[in-house]
Amino acid sequence: MASHGGSAATAPHCGFRPGADRSRPPAPGDLALPVTGAKLLTSADGQPLRVVDLPADTDWVPLGTLDGTPAWATELSTAEDLPGQARDWASLAAEVPEPHATLAGRALAVMTWRRTHRWCGACRAELTDLPGETARRCPDCGLYVPMQLSAAVLVAITRPGPAGRADELLLVRHATGPTGLWALVAGFVEAGETLEAAVHREVSEEVRLPVDRLAYFGSQPWAISGPGVLLAGFTARAADPHAEPVVDGQELTQARWFGLDALPAELPPAYSISRWLIDATVTAARR
C-alpha cells in the first residue's frame, strides 16, 4: 500500500514521529497542541499553535516531532482568553494533511491517558512519569503502566459480479455512529486473538459470511472511536460467491453487495482507512 504519511527510511525528518523526549524544554517555535476535553485548540486554519502562543508556565508533555519540529501537548480546563479555536478530531482530520491529523490524534490519546491513569490500580498511590517513555510507574509497588492501544480490524470483502459486470464490494450500515454511511465490516480485537482471527470472527458475527484470501492492507491511528484506537485494514474474498449477507440486527442494520462501478455516494470520509481500502479496491479492479 502506498504510504499516506512520511517515510522514516528515506526522509527521517519528514512526517510525524512519536516520542517522549523531555531532555530539553520546549522552544518558543515548537508545535503546541492544547487539549480541552475531547477537542484540540488550533489556529483558525487548523494548523498547530506554537509554544510561544501559550502562557510561559504551561505544563508541557512531549508528543514527538512533525517534519523534525518537536511537538508538545498540554491539558486545558478552558480555552477562554487563548488564541485559536477548539476543534474535534474528525473535523480537523478532514482538512489537514495526514501527518498533522496523526499528531492531533496522539495529543488527544496521550492527554486522555494521563488524565485517566493518574493513580495506581493496585495500591492507589500516585503514578510517576518514566523518562523517555509514554508510561508511568507506581513509586510504592512498582506497577508499570504504559499507554495501551485498542486494536480494531476492518475488511473490504469482494466477490465476482454477474457475468460481464464489475466485481462487487460488501458495504454495511451500522446501528450506531454515522448510521447514514455505507462502511466496511469492522470490530475490536479480543484478548488472545490475532488480527486475522478477529476479521473472520467479526465477519461471521456481523454478516454470517465465510471469507478467504485474507490480505493485510495497512493501518491507521483513529481518534474517533476513542483515544488510543489503532485500525488494521484487510482485503478478503467471499468464500462462497453466491452467499448473501445476513445482518446481526444489533451492530448492523443493513448489508449489501455493490458493484465497484456503482458504489453509493454515502461512503466513509477521505481521511479514513475505510475509504482508502474502498478506493484501493476500486483501483485494483480497474487494472
Protein backbone atom coordinates (compact mmCIF):
# COMPACT_ATOMS: atom_id res chain seq x y z
CA MET A 1 0.00 0.00 0.00
CA ALA A 2 1.28 3.48 -0.73
CA SER A 3 2.18 5.42 2.37
CA HIS A 4 -0.22 8.15 3.47
CA GLY A 5 2.44 9.81 5.63
CA GLY A 6 6.19 10.37 5.66
CA SER A 7 8.72 7.58 5.16
CA ALA A 8 11.20 7.41 8.04
CA ALA A 9 13.52 5.19 6.00
CA THR A 10 14.02 7.72 3.19
CA ALA A 11 13.26 11.04 4.92
CA PRO A 12 14.00 10.88 8.68
CA HIS A 13 12.65 14.39 9.34
CA CYS A 14 9.50 14.04 7.20
CA GLY A 15 6.07 13.35 8.65
CA PHE A 16 5.14 12.59 12.26
CA ARG A 17 7.37 10.55 14.56
CA PRO A 18 6.05 9.78 18.08
CA GLY A 19 8.35 10.34 21.02
CA ALA A 20 8.54 11.20 24.71
CA ASP A 21 11.81 13.16 24.92
CA ARG A 22 11.93 15.59 27.85
CA SER A 23 15.70 16.11 27.64
CA ARG A 24 15.24 19.72 26.59
CA PRO A 25 12.45 22.21 27.41
CA PRO A 26 10.02 23.35 24.71
CA ALA A 27 11.32 26.11 22.44
CA PRO A 28 9.06 29.07 21.57
CA GLY A 29 8.72 27.88 17.95
CA ASP A 30 7.87 24.28 18.81
CA LEU A 31 4.41 22.99 17.93
CA ALA A 32 1.74 23.26 20.61
CA LEU A 33 -1.37 21.06 20.82
CA PRO A 34 -3.52 22.12 23.78
CA VAL A 35 -6.30 19.67 24.62
CA THR A 36 -9.54 20.74 26.23
CA GLY A 37 -11.89 17.85 26.92
CA ALA A 38 -12.20 15.91 23.66
CA LYS A 39 -11.10 18.82 21.48
CA LEU A 40 -7.86 20.43 20.33
CA LEU A 41 -7.03 24.11 20.24
CA THR A 42 -5.65 25.04 16.80
CA SER A 43 -5.11 28.13 14.69
CA ALA A 44 -8.00 29.37 12.57
CA ASP A 45 -6.80 27.32 9.56
CA GLY A 46 -6.42 24.12 11.59
CA GLN A 47 -2.64 24.30 11.92
CA PRO A 48 -0.96 23.69 15.31
CA LEU A 49 -0.28 26.63 17.57
CA ARG A 50 3.24 27.39 18.80
CA VAL A 51 4.58 27.11 22.33
CA VAL A 52 5.03 30.89 22.40
CA ASP A 53 1.24 31.27 21.96
CA LEU A 54 0.54 29.74 25.38
CA PRO A 55 1.39 31.10 28.87
CA ALA A 56 5.01 30.69 29.97
CA ASP A 57 4.07 28.47 32.93
CA THR A 58 2.25 25.88 30.78
CA ASP A 59 2.96 22.27 31.74
CA TRP A 60 4.03 20.57 28.50
CA VAL A 61 4.02 16.85 27.61
CA PRO A 62 6.21 15.66 24.67
CA LEU A 63 4.47 14.07 21.67
CA GLY A 64 7.30 13.57 19.17
CA THR A 65 8.17 15.55 16.06
CA LEU A 66 6.40 16.74 12.91
CA ASP A 67 8.76 17.25 9.98
CA GLY A 68 11.59 17.47 12.52
CA THR A 69 9.92 20.09 14.75
CA PRO A 70 9.20 18.98 18.33
CA ALA A 71 5.53 18.89 19.30
CA TRP A 72 4.07 19.26 22.79
CA ALA A 73 0.64 18.82 24.35
CA THR A 74 -0.99 20.25 27.42
CA GLU A 75 -4.40 19.91 29.05
CA LEU A 76 -6.55 23.00 29.50
CA SER A 77 -9.59 23.33 31.71
CA THR A 78 -10.83 26.13 29.46
CA ALA A 79 -9.80 27.70 26.17
CA GLU A 80 -11.02 31.17 27.11
CA ASP A 81 -8.63 34.08 26.51
CA LEU A 82 -6.38 31.88 24.38
CA PRO A 83 -5.78 32.14 20.62
CA GLY A 84 -7.27 29.75 18.10
CA GLN A 85 -10.38 27.61 18.16
CA ALA A 86 -11.35 24.28 19.72
CA ARG A 87 -11.81 21.53 17.10
CA ASP A 88 -12.84 17.90 17.31
CA TRP A 89 -10.54 15.38 15.64
CA ALA A 90 -12.91 14.44 12.81
CA SER A 91 -13.35 18.00 11.53
CA LEU A 92 -9.62 18.61 11.83
CA ALA A 93 -8.62 15.39 10.04
CA ALA A 94 -10.91 16.29 7.16
CA GLU A 95 -8.91 19.47 6.47
CA VAL A 96 -5.25 18.94 7.33
CA PRO A 97 -2.60 16.60 5.84
CA GLU A 98 -2.48 13.07 7.28
CA PRO A 99 0.68 13.57 9.42
CA HIS A 100 -0.97 16.56 11.10
CA ALA A 101 -4.10 14.51 11.80
CA THR A 102 -1.97 11.71 13.28
CA LEU A 103 -0.19 14.18 15.56
CA ALA A 104 -3.53 15.62 16.68
CA GLY A 105 -4.81 12.12 17.43
CA ARG A 106 -1.73 11.36 19.52
CA ALA A 107 -2.23 14.55 21.51
CA LEU A 108 -5.78 13.51 22.37
CA ALA A 109 -4.70 9.95 23.19
CA VAL A 110 -1.76 10.93 25.40
CA MET A 111 -3.60 13.59 27.37
CA THR A 112 -6.68 11.41 27.86
CA TRP A 113 -4.47 8.54 29.04
CA ARG A 114 -2.65 10.80 31.51
CA ARG A 115 -5.92 12.11 32.90
CA THR A 116 -7.40 8.61 33.38
CA HIS A 117 -4.20 6.92 34.64
CA ARG A 118 -3.07 9.13 37.47
CA TRP A 119 -3.41 6.59 40.29
CA CYS A 120 -2.09 3.06 40.73
CA GLY A 121 -4.81 0.47 40.23
CA ALA A 122 -3.08 -1.96 42.61
CA CYS A 123 -2.20 0.15 45.66
CA ARG A 124 -3.75 3.57 44.93
CA ALA A 125 -0.51 5.57 45.07
CA GLU A 126 0.01 8.41 42.61
CA LEU A 127 1.88 7.26 39.50
CA THR A 128 5.07 8.96 38.29
CA ASP A 129 6.22 9.56 34.71
CA LEU A 130 9.04 7.46 33.27
CA PRO A 131 11.69 9.48 31.39
CA GLY A 132 11.72 8.87 27.65
CA GLU A 133 8.53 6.78 27.67
CA THR A 134 4.81 7.33 27.38
CA ALA A 135 4.41 5.30 30.54
CA ARG A 136 4.10 5.66 34.31
CA ARG A 137 5.24 3.60 37.28
CA CYS A 138 3.94 3.30 40.83
CA PRO A 139 6.60 4.50 43.31
CA ASP A 140 5.21 2.21 46.03
CA CYS A 141 4.51 -1.17 44.42
CA GLY A 142 6.43 -0.77 41.15
CA LEU A 143 3.42 -1.33 38.85
CA TYR A 144 4.36 -0.40 35.25
CA VAL A 145 1.59 1.42 33.36
CA PRO A 146 2.30 2.00 29.64
CA MET A 147 -0.17 3.78 27.41
CA GLN A 148 -2.11 0.95 25.77
CA LEU A 149 -3.72 0.73 22.36
CA SER A 150 -7.07 -0.83 21.44
CA ALA A 151 -6.73 -2.71 18.15
CA ALA A 152 -9.63 -2.97 15.72
CA VAL A 153 -9.92 -4.55 12.28
CA LEU A 154 -11.89 -3.67 9.18
CA VAL A 155 -12.14 -5.56 5.93
CA ALA A 156 -13.08 -4.89 2.31
CA ILE A 157 -14.83 -8.07 1.11
CA THR A 158 -15.35 -8.61 -2.63
CA ARG A 159 -16.93 -11.26 -4.84
CA PRO A 160 -17.25 -11.74 -8.61
CA GLY A 161 -20.05 -9.71 -10.14
CA PRO A 162 -22.66 -11.06 -12.57
CA ALA A 163 -21.31 -12.17 -15.96
CA GLY A 164 -19.83 -9.22 -17.78
CA ARG A 165 -20.16 -6.93 -14.75
CA ALA A 166 -17.68 -5.50 -12.26
CA ASP A 167 -16.77 -7.25 -9.04
CA GLU A 168 -18.93 -6.41 -6.04
CA LEU A 169 -17.97 -4.96 -2.65
CA LEU A 170 -19.82 -5.67 0.60
CA LEU A 171 -20.87 -2.50 2.41
CA VAL A 172 -22.81 -2.22 5.66
CA ARG A 173 -24.68 0.35 7.70
CA HIS A 174 -24.10 0.44 11.45
CA ALA A 175 -26.74 0.81 14.14
CA THR A 176 -24.72 3.48 15.97
CA GLY A 177 -22.31 6.23 14.97
CA PRO A 178 -22.63 7.66 11.44
CA THR A 179 -25.62 5.48 10.57
CA GLY A 180 -26.11 7.05 7.14
CA LEU A 181 -22.77 5.86 5.79
CA TRP A 182 -22.14 2.68 3.83
CA ALA A 183 -18.99 1.35 5.51
CA LEU A 184 -16.93 -1.82 5.91
CA VAL A 185 -17.35 -4.65 8.41
CA ALA A 186 -15.23 -3.77 11.44
CA GLY A 187 -14.75 -4.62 15.10
CA PHE A 188 -12.36 -4.68 18.03
CA VAL A 189 -9.79 -7.42 18.54
CA GLU A 190 -10.32 -9.63 21.59
CA ALA A 191 -7.55 -10.58 24.03
CA GLY A 192 -5.71 -13.68 22.81
CA GLU A 193 -6.88 -13.17 19.23
CA THR A 194 -4.80 -12.49 16.13
CA LEU A 195 -5.80 -9.73 13.73
CA GLU A 196 -6.68 -12.33 11.11
CA ALA A 197 -8.83 -14.33 13.51
CA ALA A 198 -10.63 -11.13 14.52
CA VAL A 199 -11.52 -10.46 10.87
CA HIS A 200 -13.01 -13.95 10.44
CA ARG A 201 -14.95 -13.68 13.71
CA GLU A 202 -16.32 -10.19 13.06
CA VAL A 203 -17.43 -11.09 9.51
CA SER A 204 -19.08 -14.27 10.79
CA GLU A 205 -20.83 -12.48 13.66
CA GLU A 206 -21.99 -9.42 11.73
CA VAL A 207 -22.92 -10.76 8.27
CA ARG A 208 -22.68 -14.57 8.58
CA LEU A 209 -20.24 -14.95 5.68
CA PRO A 210 -17.08 -17.06 5.35
CA VAL A 211 -14.13 -15.31 3.67
CA ASP A 212 -10.77 -16.39 2.29
CA ARG A 213 -7.73 -14.84 0.55
CA LEU A 214 -7.29 -12.52 3.51
CA ALA A 215 -4.54 -9.94 2.93
CA TYR A 216 -3.20 -7.15 5.12
CA PHE A 217 -3.67 -3.64 3.68
CA GLY A 218 -2.38 -1.12 6.23
CA SER A 219 -3.19 0.62 9.50
CA GLN A 220 -4.25 3.99 10.88
CA PRO A 221 -4.42 5.53 14.36
CA TRP A 222 -8.05 6.50 14.88
CA ALA A 223 -9.22 9.15 17.33
CA ILE A 224 -12.99 8.99 16.75
CA SER A 225 -13.80 5.61 18.35
CA GLY A 226 -11.79 6.62 21.43
CA PRO A 227 -8.21 7.68 22.19
CA GLY A 228 -5.61 5.00 21.54
CA VAL A 229 -7.51 3.07 18.84
CA LEU A 230 -5.45 1.51 16.03
CA LEU A 231 -7.31 0.32 12.93
CA ALA A 232 -5.83 -2.54 10.87
CA GLY A 233 -7.29 -2.91 7.39
CA PHE A 234 -7.60 -6.09 5.32
CA THR A 235 -8.96 -7.22 1.98
CA ALA A 236 -10.73 -10.56 1.54
CA ARG A 237 -12.75 -12.56 -0.93
CA ALA A 238 -16.12 -14.14 -0.22
CA ALA A 239 -15.53 -17.89 0.10
CA ASP A 240 -18.99 -18.55 -1.38
CA PRO A 241 -19.60 -16.07 -4.23
CA HIS A 242 -23.33 -16.76 -4.12
CA ALA A 243 -23.82 -16.22 -0.38
CA GLU A 244 -25.82 -13.22 0.77
CA PRO A 245 -25.08 -11.32 4.00
CA VAL A 246 -27.35 -11.74 7.00
CA VAL A 247 -27.01 -8.82 9.43
CA ASP A 248 -26.83 -9.47 13.15
CA GLY A 249 -29.58 -6.91 13.90
CA GLN A 250 -27.57 -5.41 16.75
CA GLU A 251 -24.43 -3.75 15.40
CA LEU A 252 -25.62 -3.58 11.78
CA THR A 253 -28.90 -2.54 10.21
CA GLN A 254 -28.10 -3.28 6.55
CA ALA A 255 -25.56 -5.15 4.42
CA ARG A 256 -25.48 -5.15 0.59
CA TRP A 257 -23.27 -6.04 -2.32
CA PHE A 258 -22.46 -3.06 -4.57
CA GLY A 259 -20.80 -3.18 -7.97
CA LEU A 260 -17.40 -1.49 -7.83
CA ASP A 261 -18.61 0.66 -10.71
CA ALA A 262 -21.79 1.65 -8.84
CA LEU A 263 -20.82 2.44 -5.27
CA PRO A 264 -23.14 4.66 -3.21
CA ALA A 265 -22.29 8.30 -2.53
CA GLU A 266 -22.54 7.86 1.24
CA LEU A 267 -19.04 6.44 1.79
CA PRO A 268 -16.62 6.99 4.70
CA PRO A 269 -14.61 10.25 4.70
CA ALA A 270 -11.50 10.59 2.57
CA TYR A 271 -9.18 10.77 5.60
CA SER A 272 -10.20 7.30 6.88
CA ILE A 273 -8.52 3.96 6.23
CA SER A 274 -12.01 2.65 5.44
CA ARG A 275 -12.14 4.97 2.43
CA TRP A 276 -8.52 4.17 1.50
CA LEU A 277 -9.48 0.49 1.40
CA ILE A 278 -12.55 1.13 -0.74
CA ASP A 279 -10.65 3.37 -3.16
CA ALA A 280 -7.75 0.89 -3.42
CA THR A 281 -10.20 -1.95 -4.13
CA VAL A 282 -11.78 0.05 -6.96
CA THR A 283 -8.37 0.97 -8.37
CA ALA A 284 -7.15 -2.65 -8.27
CA ALA A 285 -10.25 -3.83 -10.12
CA ARG A 286 -9.57 -1.42 -12.99
CA ARG A 287 -6.07 -2.76 -13.66
